PDB file of N, CA and C in Angstrom:
ATOM      1  N   MET A   1     -13.579 -26.906-138.364  1.00  0.00           N
ATOM      2  CA  MET A   1     -13.904 -27.116-136.965  1.00  0.00           C
ATOM      3  C   MET A   1     -13.369 -28.482-136.547  1.00  0.00           C
ATOM      4  N   ALA A   2     -12.691 -28.548-135.452  1.00  0.00           N
ATOM      5  CA  ALA A   2     -12.197 -29.820-134.926  1.00  0.00           C
ATOM      6  C   ALA A   2     -13.347 -30.564-134.267  1.00  0.00           C
ATOM      7  N   ASN A   3     -13.295 -31.901-134.329  1.00  0.00           N
ATOM      8  CA  ASN A   3     -14.395 -32.645-133.721  1.00  0.00           C
ATOM      9  C   ASN A   3     -14.348 -32.501-132.214  1.00  0.00           C
ATOM     10  N   SER A   4     -15.488 -32.691-131.588  1.00  0.00           N
ATOM     11  CA  SER A   4     -15.597 -32.442-130.153  1.00  0.00           C
ATOM     12  C   SER A   4     -15.548 -33.707-129.317  1.00  0.00           C
ATOM     13  N   TYR A   5     -15.234 -34.858-129.956  1.00  0.00           N
ATOM     14  CA  TYR A   5     -15.136 -36.086-129.178  1.00  0.00           C
ATOM     15  C   TYR A   5     -13.948 -35.997-128.235  1.00  0.00           C
ATOM     16  N   ASN A   6     -14.126 -36.487-127.032  1.00  0.00           N
ATOM     17  CA  ASN A   6     -13.025 -36.563-126.082  1.00  0.00           C
ATOM     18  C   ASN A   6     -12.379 -37.924-126.234  1.00  0.00           C
ATOM     19  N   TRP A   7     -11.215 -37.974-126.885  1.00  0.00           N
ATOM     20  CA  TRP A   7     -10.540 -39.234-127.124  1.00  0.00           C
ATOM     21  C   TRP A   7      -9.996 -39.791-125.824  1.00  0.00           C
ATOM     22  N   VAL A   8     -10.086 -41.087-125.679  1.00  0.00           N
ATOM     23  CA  VAL A   8      -9.559 -41.764-124.503  1.00  0.00           C
ATOM     24  C   VAL A   8      -8.220 -42.386-124.869  1.00  0.00           C
ATOM     25  N   SER A   9      -7.372 -42.611-123.881  1.00  0.00           N
ATOM     26  CA  SER A   9      -6.055 -43.154-124.161  1.00  0.00           C
ATOM     27  C   SER A   9      -5.982 -44.648-123.892  1.00  0.00           C
ATOM     28  N   LYS A  10      -7.069 -45.257-123.462  1.00  0.00           N
ATOM     29  CA  LYS A  10      -7.081 -46.693-123.214  1.00  0.00           C
ATOM     30  C   LYS A  10      -8.416 -47.261-123.668  1.00  0.00           C
ATOM     31  N   TYR A  11      -8.495 -48.554-123.690  1.00  0.00           N
ATOM     32  CA  TYR A  11      -9.743 -49.205-124.083  1.00  0.00           C
ATOM     33  C   TYR A  11     -10.814 -48.925-123.039  1.00  0.00           C
ATOM     34  N   GLU A  12     -11.961 -48.511-123.506  1.00  0.00           N
ATOM     35  CA  GLU A  12     -13.025 -48.124-122.591  1.00  0.00           C
ATOM     36  C   GLU A  12     -14.362 -48.690-123.068  1.00  0.00           C
ATOM     37  N   PRO A  13     -15.045 -49.471-122.211  1.00  0.00           N
ATOM     38  CA  PRO A  13     -16.368 -49.970-122.608  1.00  0.00           C
ATOM     39  C   PRO A  13     -17.364 -48.818-122.699  1.00  0.00           C
ATOM     40  N   LYS A  14     -18.158 -48.843-123.758  1.00  0.00           N
ATOM     41  CA  LYS A  14     -19.138 -47.780-123.976  1.00  0.00           C
ATOM     42  C   LYS A  14     -20.441 -48.384-124.471  1.00  0.00           C
ATOM     43  N   THR A  15     -21.487 -47.586-124.447  1.00  0.00           N
ATOM     44  CA  THR A  15     -22.763 -47.941-125.036  1.00  0.00           C
ATOM     45  C   THR A  15     -22.995 -47.003-126.210  1.00  0.00           C
ATOM     46  N   CYS A  16     -23.265 -47.565-127.366  1.00  0.00           N
ATOM     47  CA  CYS A  16     -23.493 -46.758-128.561  1.00  0.00           C
ATOM     48  C   CYS A  16     -24.708 -45.875-128.328  1.00  0.00           C
ATOM     49  N   GLU A  17     -24.526 -44.618-128.562  1.00  0.00           N
ATOM     50  CA  GLU A  17     -25.595 -43.650-128.338  1.00  0.00           C
ATOM     51  C   GLU A  17     -26.732 -43.795-129.354  1.00  0.00           C
ATOM     52  N   ARG A  18     -26.454 -44.389-130.487  1.00  0.00           N
ATOM     53  CA  ARG A  18     -27.457 -44.529-131.542  1.00  0.00           C
ATOM     54  C   ARG A  18     -28.294 -45.793-131.383  1.00  0.00           C
ATOM     55  N   CYS A  19     -27.647 -46.945-131.063  1.00  0.00           N
ATOM     56  CA  CYS A  19     -28.378 -48.212-131.030  1.00  0.00           C
ATOM     57  C   CYS A  19     -28.382 -48.883-129.654  1.00  0.00           C
ATOM     58  N   ASN A  20     -27.665 -48.319-128.706  1.00  0.00           N
ATOM     59  CA  ASN A  20     -27.564 -48.839-127.330  1.00  0.00           C
ATOM     60  C   ASN A  20     -26.812 -50.159-127.195  1.00  0.00           C
ATOM     61  N   ASN A  21     -26.136 -50.613-128.229  1.00  0.00           N
ATOM     62  CA  ASN A  21     -25.291 -51.801-128.118  1.00  0.00           C
ATOM     63  C   ASN A  21     -23.971 -51.427-127.463  1.00  0.00           C
ATOM     64  N   SER A  22     -23.393 -52.365-126.729  1.00  0.00           N
ATOM     65  CA  SER A  22     -22.110 -52.081-126.097  1.00  0.00           C
ATOM     66  C   SER A  22     -20.980 -52.335-127.093  1.00  0.00           C
ATOM     67  N   HIS A  23     -19.916 -51.570-126.932  1.00  0.00           N
ATOM     68  CA  HIS A  23     -18.729 -51.703-127.763  1.00  0.00           C
ATOM     69  C   HIS A  23     -17.555 -51.156-126.972  1.00  0.00           C
ATOM     70  N   VAL A  24     -16.363 -51.306-127.523  1.00  0.00           N
ATOM     71  CA  VAL A  24     -15.173 -50.815-126.834  1.00  0.00           C
ATOM     72  C   VAL A  24     -14.586 -49.670-127.640  1.00  0.00           C
ATOM     73  N   CYS A  25     -14.411 -48.548-126.979  1.00  0.00           N
ATOM     74  CA  CYS A  25     -13.766 -47.391-127.591  1.00  0.00           C
ATOM     75  C   CYS A  25     -12.266 -47.513-127.334  1.00  0.00           C
ATOM     76  N   THR A  26     -11.489 -47.486-128.401  1.00  0.00           N
ATOM     77  CA  THR A  26     -10.039 -47.575-128.250  1.00  0.00           C
ATOM     78  C   THR A  26      -9.382 -46.212-128.344  1.00  0.00           C
ATOM     79  N   GLY A  27     -10.146 -45.215-128.704  1.00  0.00           N
ATOM     80  CA  GLY A  27      -9.667 -43.839-128.728  1.00  0.00           C
ATOM     81  C   GLY A  27      -8.601 -43.558-129.768  1.00  0.00           C
ATOM     82  N   GLY A  28      -8.438 -42.293-130.070  1.00  0.00           N
ATOM     83  CA  GLY A  28      -7.383 -41.838-130.974  1.00  0.00           C
ATOM     84  C   GLY A  28      -7.361 -42.561-132.306  1.00  0.00           C
ATOM     85  N   SER A  29      -6.170 -42.818-132.820  1.00  0.00           N
ATOM     86  CA  SER A  29      -6.019 -43.415-134.141  1.00  0.00           C
ATOM     87  C   SER A  29      -6.388 -44.894-134.173  1.00  0.00           C
ATOM     88  N   ASN A  30      -6.626 -45.509-133.022  1.00  0.00           N
ATOM     89  CA  ASN A  30      -7.060 -46.904-132.971  1.00  0.00           C
ATOM     90  C   ASN A  30      -8.578 -47.024-133.002  1.00  0.00           C
ATOM     91  N   CYS A  31      -9.272 -45.927-133.045  1.00  0.00           N
ATOM     92  CA  CYS A  31     -10.729 -45.916-132.967  1.00  0.00           C
ATOM     93  C   CYS A  31     -11.359 -46.583-134.185  1.00  0.00           C
ATOM     94  N   GLU A  32     -12.504 -47.218-133.983  1.00  0.00           N
ATOM     95  CA  GLU A  32     -13.230 -47.845-135.084  1.00  0.00           C
ATOM     96  C   GLU A  32     -13.621 -46.832-136.160  1.00  0.00           C
ATOM     97  N   CYS A  33     -13.712 -45.577-135.793  1.00  0.00           N
ATOM     98  CA  CYS A  33     -14.018 -44.531-136.781  1.00  0.00           C
ATOM     99  C   CYS A  33     -13.029 -44.601-137.939  1.00  0.00           C
ATOM    100  N   PHE A  34     -11.764 -44.861-137.624  1.00  0.00           N
ATOM    101  CA  PHE A  34     -10.740 -44.909-138.649  1.00  0.00           C
ATOM    102  C   PHE A  34     -10.818 -46.204-139.450  1.00  0.00           C
ATOM    103  N   ASP A  35     -11.213 -47.318-138.819  1.00  0.00           N
ATOM    104  CA  ASP A  35     -11.379 -48.585-139.532  1.00  0.00           C
ATOM    105  C   ASP A  35     -12.486 -48.489-140.569  1.00  0.00           C
ATOM    106  N   VAL A  36     -13.513 -47.743-140.253  1.00  0.00           N
ATOM    107  CA  VAL A  36     -14.669 -47.602-141.144  1.00  0.00           C
ATOM    108  C   VAL A  36     -14.378 -46.584-142.242  1.00  0.00           C
ATOM    109  N   GLY A  37     -13.426 -45.726-142.016  1.00  0.00           N
ATOM    110  CA  GLY A  37     -13.091 -44.703-143.003  1.00  0.00           C
ATOM    111  C   GLY A  37     -13.915 -43.443-142.852  1.00  0.00           C
ATOM    112  N   ILE A  38     -14.333 -43.158-141.629  1.00  0.00           N
ATOM    113  CA  ILE A  38     -15.074 -41.931-141.358  1.00  0.00           C
ATOM    114  C   ILE A  38     -14.117 -40.754-141.486  1.00  0.00           C
ATOM    115  N   THR A  39     -14.496 -39.765-142.254  1.00  0.00           N
ATOM    116  CA  THR A  39     -13.641 -38.589-142.441  1.00  0.00           C
ATOM    117  C   THR A  39     -13.786 -37.630-141.268  1.00  0.00           C
ATOM    118  N   ALA A  40     -12.859 -36.713-141.169  1.00  0.00           N
ATOM    119  CA  ALA A  40     -12.909 -35.692-140.119  1.00  0.00           C
ATOM    120  C   ALA A  40     -14.194 -34.873-140.236  1.00  0.00           C
ATOM    121  N   GLU A  41     -14.616 -34.611-141.458  1.00  0.00           N
ATOM    122  CA  GLU A  41     -15.853 -33.853-141.668  1.00  0.00           C
ATOM    123  C   GLU A  41     -17.064 -34.636-141.168  1.00  0.00           C
ATOM    124  N   MET A  42     -17.078 -35.938-141.421  1.00  0.00           N
ATOM    125  CA  MET A  42     -18.177 -36.771-140.943  1.00  0.00           C
ATOM    126  C   MET A  42     -18.181 -36.821-139.418  1.00  0.00           C
ATOM    127  N   LEU A  43     -16.991 -36.906-138.821  1.00  0.00           N
ATOM    128  CA  LEU A  43     -16.903 -36.899-137.356  1.00  0.00           C
ATOM    129  C   LEU A  43     -17.457 -35.601-136.788  1.00  0.00           C
ATOM    130  N   ASP A  44     -17.155 -34.497-137.444  1.00  0.00           N
ATOM    131  CA  ASP A  44     -17.689 -33.213-136.988  1.00  0.00           C
ATOM    132  C   ASP A  44     -19.210 -33.212-137.037  1.00  0.00           C
ATOM    133  N   ASP A  45     -19.781 -33.753-138.126  1.00  0.00           N
ATOM    134  CA  ASP A  45     -21.242 -33.827-138.249  1.00  0.00           C
ATOM    135  C   ASP A  45     -21.836 -34.723-137.167  1.00  0.00           C
ATOM    136  N   LEU A  46     -21.193 -35.870-136.911  1.00  0.00           N
ATOM    137  CA  LEU A  46     -21.669 -36.782-135.873  1.00  0.00           C
ATOM    138  C   LEU A  46     -21.583 -36.144-134.495  1.00  0.00           C
ATOM    139  N   ALA A  47     -20.552 -35.360-134.268  1.00  0.00           N
ATOM    140  CA  ALA A  47     -20.368 -34.713-132.961  1.00  0.00           C
ATOM    141  C   ALA A  47     -21.484 -33.726-132.661  1.00  0.00           C
ATOM    142  N   VAL A  48     -22.119 -33.189-133.704  1.00  0.00           N
ATOM    143  CA  VAL A  48     -23.252 -32.282-133.516  1.00  0.00           C
ATOM    144  C   VAL A  48     -24.479 -33.069-133.048  1.00  0.00           C
ATOM    145  N   LYS A  49     -24.626 -34.292-133.547  1.00  0.00           N
ATOM    146  CA  LYS A  49     -25.810 -35.101-133.258  1.00  0.00           C
ATOM    147  C   LYS A  49     -25.651 -35.990-132.018  1.00  0.00           C
ATOM    148  N   TYR A  50     -24.419 -36.408-131.741  1.00  0.00           N
ATOM    149  CA  TYR A  50     -24.169 -37.358-130.657  1.00  0.00           C
ATOM    150  C   TYR A  50     -23.082 -36.826-129.739  1.00  0.00           C
ATOM    151  N   GLU A  51     -23.201 -37.131-128.460  1.00  0.00           N
ATOM    152  CA  GLU A  51     -22.224 -36.657-127.489  1.00  0.00           C
ATOM    153  C   GLU A  51     -21.052 -37.616-127.299  1.00  0.00           C
ATOM    154  N   ASP A  52     -21.209 -38.875-127.715  1.00  0.00           N
ATOM    155  CA  ASP A  52     -20.171 -39.863-127.469  1.00  0.00           C
ATOM    156  C   ASP A  52     -20.042 -40.810-128.653  1.00  0.00           C
ATOM    157  N   CYS A  53     -19.180 -41.799-128.512  1.00  0.00           N
ATOM    158  CA  CYS A  53     -18.865 -42.754-129.575  1.00  0.00           C
ATOM    159  C   CYS A  53     -20.078 -43.548-130.047  1.00  0.00           C
ATOM    160  N   LEU A  54     -19.998 -43.951-131.312  1.00  0.00           N
ATOM    161  CA  LEU A  54     -20.968 -44.869-131.883  1.00  0.00           C
ATOM    162  C   LEU A  54     -20.237 -46.170-132.191  1.00  0.00           C
ATOM    163  N   CYS A  55     -20.976 -47.274-132.242  1.00  0.00           N
ATOM    164  CA  CYS A  55     -20.368 -48.563-132.549  1.00  0.00           C
ATOM    165  C   CYS A  55     -20.031 -48.640-134.046  1.00  0.00           C
ATOM    166  N   LYS A  56     -19.213 -49.621-134.385  1.00  0.00           N
ATOM    167  CA  LYS A  56     -18.770 -49.789-135.767  1.00  0.00           C
ATOM    168  C   LYS A  56     -19.954 -50.020-136.708  1.00  0.00           C
ATOM    169  N   LYS A  57     -20.930 -50.809-136.273  1.00  0.00           N
ATOM    170  CA  LYS A  57     -22.103 -51.090-137.105  1.00  0.00           C
ATOM    171  C   LYS A  57     -22.847 -49.798-137.456  1.00  0.00           C
ATOM    172  N   CYS A  58     -23.041 -48.930-136.472  1.00  0.00           N
ATOM    173  CA  CYS A  58     -23.734 -47.662-136.727  1.00  0.00           C
ATOM    174  C   CYS A  58     -22.895 -46.733-137.593  1.00  0.00           C
ATOM    175  N   LEU A  59     -21.579 -46.705-137.360  1.00  0.00           N
ATOM    176  CA  LEU A  59     -20.714 -45.878-138.186  1.00  0.00           C
ATOM    177  C   LEU A  59     -20.778 -46.312-139.654  1.00  0.00           C
ATOM    178  N   GLU A  60     -20.765 -47.628-139.867  1.00  0.00           N
ATOM    179  CA  GLU A  60     -20.863 -48.132-141.242  1.00  0.00           C
ATOM    180  C   GLU A  60     -22.208 -47.786-141.862  1.00  0.00           C
ATOM    181  N   ALA A  61     -23.284 -47.900-141.084  1.00  0.00           N
ATOM    182  CA  ALA A  61     -24.622 -47.582-141.584  1.00  0.00           C
ATOM    183  C   ALA A  61     -24.738 -46.102-141.948  1.00  0.00           C
ATOM    184  N   LEU A  62     -24.152 -45.242-141.136  1.00  0.00           N
ATOM    185  CA  LEU A  62     -24.222 -43.807-141.406  1.00  0.00           C
ATOM    186  C   LEU A  62     -23.305 -43.398-142.558  1.00  0.00           C
ATOM    187  N   LYS A  63     -22.228 -44.115-142.729  1.00  0.00           N
ATOM    188  CA  LYS A  63     -21.317 -43.815-143.828  1.00  0.00           C
ATOM    189  C   LYS A  63     -21.936 -44.211-145.164  1.00  0.00           C
ATOM    190  N   ASN A  64     -22.673 -45.317-145.168  1.00  0.00           N
ATOM    191  CA  ASN A  64     -23.274 -45.853-146.393  1.00  0.00           C
ATOM    192  C   ASN A  64     -24.789 -45.955-146.248  1.00  0.00           C
ATOM    193  N   PRO A  65     -25.477 -44.807-146.232  1.00  0.00           N
ATOM    194  CA  PRO A  65     -26.942 -44.840-146.009  1.00  0.00           C
ATOM    195  C   PRO A  65     -27.712 -45.529-147.108  1.00  0.00           C
TER     196      PRO A  65
END
């Protein structure tokens, strides 16, 4: 299953859906998801629980519980 996130093509300010901290979504291959090493499978799981991007801190916390 492909992830359901709607990638943006430019930098976009967002609020993390998990912790409510603000962060910048860079979309696509520049996304913090890739910096953290989130796999496509993990993104699919996150897409079930969250409708939008999470901040790097939350992604790291979820990757390494």
